[in-house]
Amino acid sequence: MIRLKLIAIIALIFGPVLAFQSFQDSQRLAKIEKEGVQVLGIPMSGEITERRKSGKSFKLNVSYPDKDGKLHSKEFKVKSDFFEAISEGNSITAETVTIKRLDSDPDQAILVGGSDDGNIPVFVCILVTIGGAIGCYFAFRKKPQA
């Protein structure tokens, strides 16, 4: 019973926090899609990480210019099919990739066609919060006296 109470409290607290973070990230991505400028980036390196339970993750380190021509470097988590299309194993074969970045903040960028945002949908976070609230209600309610 204590484990159920703990899980309900954690869901009630972290559900809204995760929903807020997910909402902010979706707003950031929408801003980049709307106001972003497409530039060509140079893939510097790629990495495949294998995990026991969650499978493989793919990362790509790309250098790209800002509006003044200064190079920025960023590591992108990418989709497996995108990574496989531009590489052979861990070796990158593509000469350029397309980046969409903000002029006001060049570090805010996405890899066109390949970025794996991987954030939790807001509605899932809301469901976790509701589940935590229902769990807290049943775990902490007083039983009627007979």
Protein backbone atom coordinates (compact mmCIF):
# COMPACT_ATOMS: atom_id res chain seq x y z
CA MET A 1 0.00 0.00 0.00
CA ILE A 2 2.88 2.36 0.74
CA ARG A 3 4.29 1.70 -2.73
CA LEU A 4 0.94 2.68 -4.32
CA LYS A 5 0.87 5.92 -2.30
CA LEU A 6 4.42 6.75 -3.34
CA ILE A 7 3.71 6.08 -7.02
CA ALA A 8 0.53 8.19 -6.86
CA ILE A 9 2.38 11.11 -5.23
CA ILE A 10 5.23 10.91 -7.76
CA ALA A 11 2.75 10.85 -10.67
CA LEU A 12 0.83 13.79 -9.20
CA ILE A 13 4.01 15.86 -8.83
CA PHE A 14 5.97 14.92 -11.95
CA GLY A 15 3.01 14.75 -14.38
CA PRO A 16 2.54 18.54 -14.49
CA VAL A 17 6.32 19.13 -14.54
CA LEU A 18 6.77 16.82 -17.53
CA ALA A 19 3.72 18.33 -19.25
CA PHE A 20 5.16 21.84 -18.85
CA GLN A 21 8.57 20.78 -20.18
CA SER A 22 6.98 18.95 -23.10
CA PHE A 23 4.81 21.98 -23.89
CA GLN A 24 7.84 24.31 -23.80
CA ASP A 25 9.80 22.00 -26.09
CA SER A 26 6.93 21.80 -28.58
CA GLN A 27 6.72 25.62 -28.53
CA ARG A 28 10.48 25.83 -29.19
CA LEU A 29 10.21 23.41 -32.12
CA ALA A 30 7.24 25.31 -33.54
CA LYS A 31 9.19 28.58 -33.32
CA ILE A 32 12.15 27.05 -35.15
CA GLU A 33 9.81 25.66 -37.84
CA LYS A 34 8.08 29.03 -38.26
CA GLU A 35 10.95 31.52 -37.90
CA GLY A 36 13.96 29.33 -38.68
CA VAL A 37 16.41 29.79 -41.52
CA GLN A 38 17.68 26.79 -43.47
CA VAL A 39 21.44 26.45 -43.81
CA LEU A 40 23.76 23.67 -44.88
CA GLY A 41 25.64 21.92 -42.13
CA ILE A 42 28.66 19.64 -42.25
CA PRO A 43 28.34 16.33 -40.39
CA MET A 44 31.47 15.99 -38.26
CA SER A 45 30.83 12.65 -36.56
CA GLY A 46 28.15 10.13 -35.82
CA GLU A 47 27.59 7.71 -32.97
CA ILE A 48 25.41 4.65 -32.47
CA THR A 49 24.76 3.72 -28.84
CA GLU A 50 23.27 0.33 -28.04
CA ARG A 51 21.31 -0.13 -24.84
CA ARG A 52 20.05 -3.38 -23.38
CA LYS A 53 16.41 -2.43 -22.96
CA SER A 54 15.73 0.59 -25.16
CA GLY A 55 17.58 -0.49 -28.31
CA LYS A 56 19.82 1.82 -30.32
CA SER A 57 20.12 5.60 -30.24
CA PHE A 58 21.73 7.63 -33.00
CA LYS A 59 23.61 10.92 -32.60
CA LEU A 60 25.07 13.21 -35.22
CA ASN A 61 27.47 16.08 -34.52
CA VAL A 62 27.01 18.86 -37.09
CA SER A 63 28.79 22.19 -37.68
CA TYR A 64 26.73 24.98 -39.24
CA PRO A 65 27.10 28.76 -39.73
CA ASP A 66 25.14 31.53 -38.03
CA LYS A 67 24.06 34.70 -39.88
CA ASP A 68 27.56 36.21 -39.43
CA GLY A 69 29.32 33.09 -40.75
CA LYS A 70 30.61 31.93 -37.35
CA LEU A 71 30.50 28.13 -37.05
CA HIS A 72 28.41 26.47 -34.34
CA SER A 73 28.54 22.81 -33.45
CA LYS A 74 25.64 20.82 -32.06
CA GLU A 75 24.91 17.18 -31.34
CA PHE A 76 21.54 16.04 -32.66
CA LYS A 77 19.65 12.93 -31.64
CA VAL A 78 18.46 11.57 -34.99
CA LYS A 79 16.08 8.94 -36.31
CA SER A 80 17.56 5.58 -37.26
CA ASP A 81 16.46 5.71 -40.91
CA PHE A 82 18.00 9.18 -41.35
CA PHE A 83 21.29 8.07 -39.77
CA GLU A 84 21.44 4.94 -41.92
CA ALA A 85 20.75 7.00 -45.08
CA ILE A 86 23.74 9.30 -44.52
CA SER A 87 26.21 6.77 -43.08
CA GLU A 88 27.80 3.36 -43.29
CA GLY A 89 28.14 2.06 -39.74
CA ASN A 90 29.64 4.85 -37.63
CA SER A 91 31.23 6.49 -40.70
CA ILE A 92 29.34 9.46 -42.16
CA THR A 93 29.13 9.44 -45.97
CA ALA A 94 27.01 12.58 -46.57
CA GLU A 95 28.91 15.80 -47.21
CA THR A 96 26.15 18.14 -46.04
CA VAL A 97 22.85 18.06 -44.16
CA THR A 98 20.15 20.72 -43.87
CA ILE A 99 19.81 22.57 -40.56
CA LYS A 100 17.03 24.93 -39.58
CA ARG A 101 18.14 27.45 -36.95
CA LEU A 102 17.00 30.73 -35.44
CA ASP A 103 18.85 33.89 -36.42
CA SER A 104 18.36 35.30 -32.92
CA ASP A 105 19.77 32.16 -31.22
CA PRO A 106 21.78 29.91 -33.58
CA ASP A 107 22.08 27.21 -30.89
CA GLN A 108 18.32 26.65 -31.25
CA ALA A 109 18.40 24.36 -34.27
CA ILE A 110 16.90 21.21 -35.71
CA LEU A 111 18.12 18.79 -38.33
CA VAL A 112 15.61 18.92 -41.21
CA GLY A 113 14.12 15.48 -41.80
CA GLY A 114 16.16 13.79 -39.13
CA SER A 115 15.81 15.31 -35.68
CA ASP A 116 14.30 12.97 -33.14
CA ASP A 117 12.61 15.25 -30.61
CA GLY A 118 11.69 12.26 -28.44
CA ASN A 119 9.65 14.27 -25.97
CA ILE A 120 6.62 12.89 -24.19
CA PRO A 121 3.30 14.12 -25.62
CA VAL A 122 1.52 16.60 -23.35
CA PHE A 123 -1.67 14.51 -23.23
CA VAL A 124 0.30 11.54 -21.82
CA CYS A 125 1.65 13.79 -19.05
CA ILE A 126 -1.87 14.99 -18.30
CA LEU A 127 -3.07 11.38 -18.11
CA VAL A 128 -0.24 10.60 -15.67
CA THR A 129 -1.31 13.58 -13.54
CA ILE A 130 -4.96 12.46 -13.56
CA GLY A 131 -3.89 8.92 -12.70
CA GLY A 132 -1.79 10.29 -9.83
CA ALA A 133 -4.73 12.33 -8.55
CA ILE A 134 -7.09 9.35 -8.68
CA GLY A 135 -4.46 7.15 -7.03
CA CYS A 136 -3.93 9.71 -4.25
CA TYR A 137 -7.68 9.96 -3.71
CA PHE A 138 -8.08 6.21 -3.24
CA ALA A 139 -4.82 5.73 -1.35
CA PHE A 140 -5.41 8.53 1.18
CA ARG A 141 -9.18 8.54 1.63
CA LYS A 142 -10.59 7.64 4.99
CA LYS A 143 -12.58 4.46 5.13
CA PRO A 144 -16.15 4.95 6.38
CA GLN A 145 -16.69 3.83 9.95
CA ALA A 146 -19.09 0.91 10.27
